[in-house]
Amino acid sequence: MDVAGSGPGTPSEGNPMTEQATASDSPFIQGRNARVYGKSAADCPYPEGSQERQAWLQAFAEAAVDDRGTDLPEGRTA
């Protein structure tokens, strides 16, 4: 028997599942969007060595592949 306010999906302070995050909040999506809107890799807002920075930079690099319409290694051109 669930007590009101204590069941699954019930907001509680400190529970990360209750935060209203969207896909656009993810570092990966932010990195992709940064490339699409002409920013540079130096604009990454996340600290060196963080998982968020790694995801942001990965998406930034992958967006370059999408822009060229090819799957060439970084730094190589057709």
N, C-alpha and C. Protein backbone atom coordinates (compact mmCIF):
# COMPACT_ATOMS: atom_id res chain seq x y z
N MET A 1 0.84 -1.18 0.00
CA MET A 1 0.00 0.00 0.00
C MET A 1 0.89 1.24 0.00
N ASP A 2 0.73 2.09 -1.01
CA ASP A 2 1.51 3.32 -1.12
C ASP A 2 0.90 4.41 -0.26
N VAL A 3 1.74 5.11 0.45
CA VAL A 3 1.31 6.28 1.18
C VAL A 3 1.29 7.43 0.18
N ALA A 4 0.28 8.28 0.25
CA ALA A 4 0.17 9.39 -0.69
C ALA A 4 1.48 10.17 -0.72
N GLY A 5 2.00 10.36 -1.92
CA GLY A 5 3.21 11.13 -2.08
C GLY A 5 4.49 10.33 -1.96
N SER A 6 4.38 9.00 -1.83
CA SER A 6 5.60 8.23 -1.69
C SER A 6 5.75 7.14 -2.74
N GLY A 7 4.83 7.04 -3.66
CA GLY A 7 4.87 5.98 -4.66
C GLY A 7 5.81 6.31 -5.80
N PRO A 8 6.00 5.36 -6.70
CA PRO A 8 6.86 5.57 -7.86
C PRO A 8 6.38 6.76 -8.69
N GLY A 9 7.33 7.54 -9.15
CA GLY A 9 6.98 8.69 -9.97
C GLY A 9 6.54 9.90 -9.19
N THR A 10 6.49 9.78 -7.88
CA THR A 10 6.08 10.90 -7.06
C THR A 10 7.27 11.82 -6.84
N PRO A 11 7.10 13.11 -7.12
CA PRO A 11 8.22 14.02 -6.92
C PRO A 11 8.71 14.01 -5.48
N SER A 12 10.02 13.96 -5.34
CA SER A 12 10.61 14.07 -4.01
C SER A 12 11.92 14.82 -4.16
N GLU A 13 12.26 15.59 -3.18
CA GLU A 13 13.45 16.42 -3.24
C GLU A 13 14.70 15.55 -3.42
N GLY A 14 15.57 15.94 -4.37
CA GLY A 14 16.81 15.23 -4.57
C GLY A 14 16.72 14.04 -5.50
N ASN A 15 15.55 13.70 -5.99
CA ASN A 15 15.39 12.57 -6.89
C ASN A 15 15.62 13.04 -8.32
N PRO A 16 16.69 12.56 -8.99
CA PRO A 16 16.97 13.02 -10.34
C PRO A 16 15.89 12.66 -11.35
N MET A 17 15.10 11.66 -11.05
CA MET A 17 14.03 11.27 -11.97
C MET A 17 12.89 12.28 -11.99
N THR A 18 12.85 13.18 -11.02
CA THR A 18 11.76 14.15 -10.97
C THR A 18 12.12 15.46 -11.65
N GLU A 19 13.38 15.66 -12.00
CA GLU A 19 13.77 16.88 -12.70
C GLU A 19 13.16 16.87 -14.09
N GLN A 20 12.77 18.02 -14.55
CA GLN A 20 12.12 18.14 -15.86
C GLN A 20 13.15 18.42 -16.95
N ALA A 21 14.08 17.51 -17.15
CA ALA A 21 15.11 17.65 -18.18
C ALA A 21 14.52 17.25 -19.53
N THR A 22 14.99 17.91 -20.56
CA THR A 22 14.58 17.56 -21.91
C THR A 22 15.80 17.11 -22.69
N ALA A 23 15.59 16.52 -23.85
CA ALA A 23 16.70 16.07 -24.68
C ALA A 23 17.63 17.22 -25.02
N SER A 24 17.09 18.42 -25.21
CA SER A 24 17.93 19.55 -25.58
C SER A 24 18.82 20.01 -24.44
N ASP A 25 18.57 19.51 -23.22
CA ASP A 25 19.43 19.83 -22.08
C ASP A 25 20.68 18.96 -22.06
N SER A 26 20.71 17.89 -22.84
CA SER A 26 21.84 16.97 -22.78
C SER A 26 23.07 17.58 -23.42
N PRO A 27 24.24 17.32 -22.86
CA PRO A 27 25.47 17.83 -23.46
C PRO A 27 25.64 17.39 -24.92
N PHE A 28 25.18 16.17 -25.23
CA PHE A 28 25.30 15.67 -26.60
C PHE A 28 24.53 16.56 -27.57
N ILE A 29 23.28 16.85 -27.27
CA ILE A 29 22.46 17.69 -28.14
C ILE A 29 23.02 19.11 -28.19
N GLN A 30 23.49 19.61 -27.05
CA GLN A 30 24.07 20.96 -27.03
C GLN A 30 25.30 21.03 -27.94
N GLY A 31 26.13 19.99 -27.93
CA GLY A 31 27.31 19.97 -28.78
C GLY A 31 26.96 19.94 -30.26
N ARG A 32 25.97 19.15 -30.61
CA ARG A 32 25.52 19.09 -32.00
C ARG A 32 24.98 20.45 -32.43
N ASN A 33 24.16 21.04 -31.59
CA ASN A 33 23.58 22.33 -31.92
C ASN A 33 24.65 23.42 -32.03
N ALA A 34 25.68 23.33 -31.21
CA ALA A 34 26.76 24.31 -31.28
C ALA A 34 27.41 24.27 -32.66
N ARG A 35 27.67 23.09 -33.19
CA ARG A 35 28.28 22.96 -34.53
C ARG A 35 27.32 23.51 -35.59
N VAL A 36 26.07 23.12 -35.49
CA VAL A 36 25.07 23.55 -36.47
C VAL A 36 24.96 25.08 -36.51
N TYR A 37 25.10 25.72 -35.35
CA TYR A 37 24.96 27.17 -35.29
C TYR A 37 26.29 27.92 -35.36
N GLY A 38 27.34 27.22 -35.84
CA GLY A 38 28.59 27.88 -36.15
C GLY A 38 29.55 28.16 -35.00
N LYS A 39 29.35 27.52 -33.87
CA LYS A 39 30.27 27.72 -32.75
C LYS A 39 31.50 26.83 -32.94
N SER A 40 32.52 27.05 -32.13
CA SER A 40 33.73 26.24 -32.22
C SER A 40 33.80 25.28 -31.04
N ALA A 41 34.70 24.30 -31.14
CA ALA A 41 34.88 23.33 -30.06
C ALA A 41 35.33 24.04 -28.78
N ALA A 42 36.01 25.15 -28.92
CA ALA A 42 36.46 25.92 -27.75
C ALA A 42 35.29 26.49 -26.95
N ASP A 43 34.11 26.53 -27.54
CA ASP A 43 32.93 27.05 -26.86
C ASP A 43 32.28 26.03 -25.92
N CYS A 44 32.83 24.83 -25.85
CA CYS A 44 32.27 23.80 -24.95
C CYS A 44 32.27 24.33 -23.52
N PRO A 45 31.11 24.34 -22.88
CA PRO A 45 31.00 24.91 -21.53
C PRO A 45 31.38 23.96 -20.39
N TYR A 46 31.70 22.71 -20.72
CA TYR A 46 31.94 21.71 -19.69
C TYR A 46 33.43 21.60 -19.34
N PRO A 47 33.76 21.26 -18.10
CA PRO A 47 35.16 21.19 -17.66
C PRO A 47 35.93 20.04 -18.30
N GLU A 48 37.23 20.27 -18.49
CA GLU A 48 38.14 19.24 -19.01
C GLU A 48 37.98 17.96 -18.20
N GLY A 49 37.96 16.83 -18.90
CA GLY A 49 37.91 15.54 -18.23
C GLY A 49 36.53 15.07 -17.81
N SER A 50 35.51 15.90 -17.99
CA SER A 50 34.16 15.49 -17.57
C SER A 50 33.48 14.66 -18.65
N GLN A 51 32.55 13.82 -18.24
CA GLN A 51 31.77 13.02 -19.19
C GLN A 51 30.93 13.94 -20.07
N GLU A 52 30.46 15.03 -19.50
CA GLU A 52 29.64 15.97 -20.25
C GLU A 52 30.44 16.58 -21.40
N ARG A 53 31.70 16.95 -21.11
CA ARG A 53 32.56 17.52 -22.15
C ARG A 53 32.81 16.51 -23.26
N GLN A 54 33.06 15.26 -22.87
CA GLN A 54 33.30 14.20 -23.85
C GLN A 54 32.09 14.05 -24.76
N ALA A 55 30.88 14.04 -24.19
CA ALA A 55 29.66 13.89 -24.98
C ALA A 55 29.46 15.10 -25.89
N TRP A 56 29.70 16.30 -25.36
CA TRP A 56 29.54 17.54 -26.13
C TRP A 56 30.47 17.53 -27.33
N LEU A 57 31.74 17.21 -27.10
CA LEU A 57 32.73 17.21 -28.18
C LEU A 57 32.47 16.10 -29.20
N GLN A 58 31.98 14.95 -28.74
CA GLN A 58 31.64 13.86 -29.65
C GLN A 58 30.53 14.30 -30.60
N ALA A 59 29.49 14.89 -30.05
CA ALA A 59 28.37 15.35 -30.88
C ALA A 59 28.81 16.47 -31.81
N PHE A 60 29.68 17.34 -31.34
CA PHE A 60 30.21 18.43 -32.16
C PHE A 60 30.92 17.85 -33.38
N ALA A 61 31.76 16.84 -33.17
CA ALA A 61 32.50 16.20 -34.25
C ALA A 61 31.56 15.45 -35.20
N GLU A 62 30.58 14.75 -34.64
CA GLU A 62 29.64 14.00 -35.47
C GLU A 62 28.78 14.91 -36.33
N ALA A 63 28.49 16.09 -35.85
CA ALA A 63 27.70 17.04 -36.63
C ALA A 63 28.48 17.47 -37.88
N ALA A 64 29.80 17.49 -37.81
CA ALA A 64 30.62 17.82 -38.97
C ALA A 64 30.47 16.76 -40.04
N VAL A 65 30.36 15.49 -39.63
CA VAL A 65 30.16 14.40 -40.57
C VAL A 65 28.82 14.59 -41.27
N ASP A 66 27.79 14.94 -40.51
CA ASP A 66 26.47 15.16 -41.09
C ASP A 66 26.49 16.32 -42.09
N ASP A 67 27.23 17.38 -41.76
CA ASP A 67 27.30 18.54 -42.64
C ASP A 67 27.92 18.20 -43.99
N ARG A 68 28.92 17.33 -44.00
CA ARG A 68 29.61 16.98 -45.24
C ARG A 68 28.85 15.92 -46.02
N GLY A 69 27.97 15.22 -45.35
CA GLY A 69 27.24 14.14 -46.00
C GLY A 69 28.11 12.93 -46.24
N THR A 70 29.24 12.85 -45.56
CA THR A 70 30.15 11.72 -45.70
C THR A 70 30.55 11.23 -44.33
N ASP A 71 31.34 10.19 -44.31
CA ASP A 71 31.80 9.63 -43.05
C ASP A 71 33.33 9.58 -43.06
N LEU A 72 33.96 10.70 -43.39
CA LEU A 72 35.41 10.76 -43.45
C LEU A 72 35.98 10.96 -42.04
N PRO A 73 37.18 10.45 -41.79
CA PRO A 73 37.81 10.69 -40.49
C PRO A 73 38.02 12.17 -40.25
N GLU A 74 38.06 12.57 -38.98
CA GLU A 74 38.26 13.96 -38.61
C GLU A 74 39.51 14.52 -39.29
N GLY A 75 39.39 15.69 -39.87
CA GLY A 75 40.53 16.37 -40.48
C GLY A 75 40.79 15.98 -41.93
N ARG A 76 40.05 15.02 -42.47
CA ARG A 76 40.26 14.61 -43.86
C ARG A 76 39.14 15.14 -44.71
N THR A 77 39.44 15.51 -45.94
CA THR A 77 38.44 16.01 -46.87
C THR A 77 38.39 15.15 -48.11
N ALA A 78 37.29 15.21 -48.79
CA ALA A 78 37.11 14.41 -50.00
C ALA A 78 37.85 15.02 -51.17
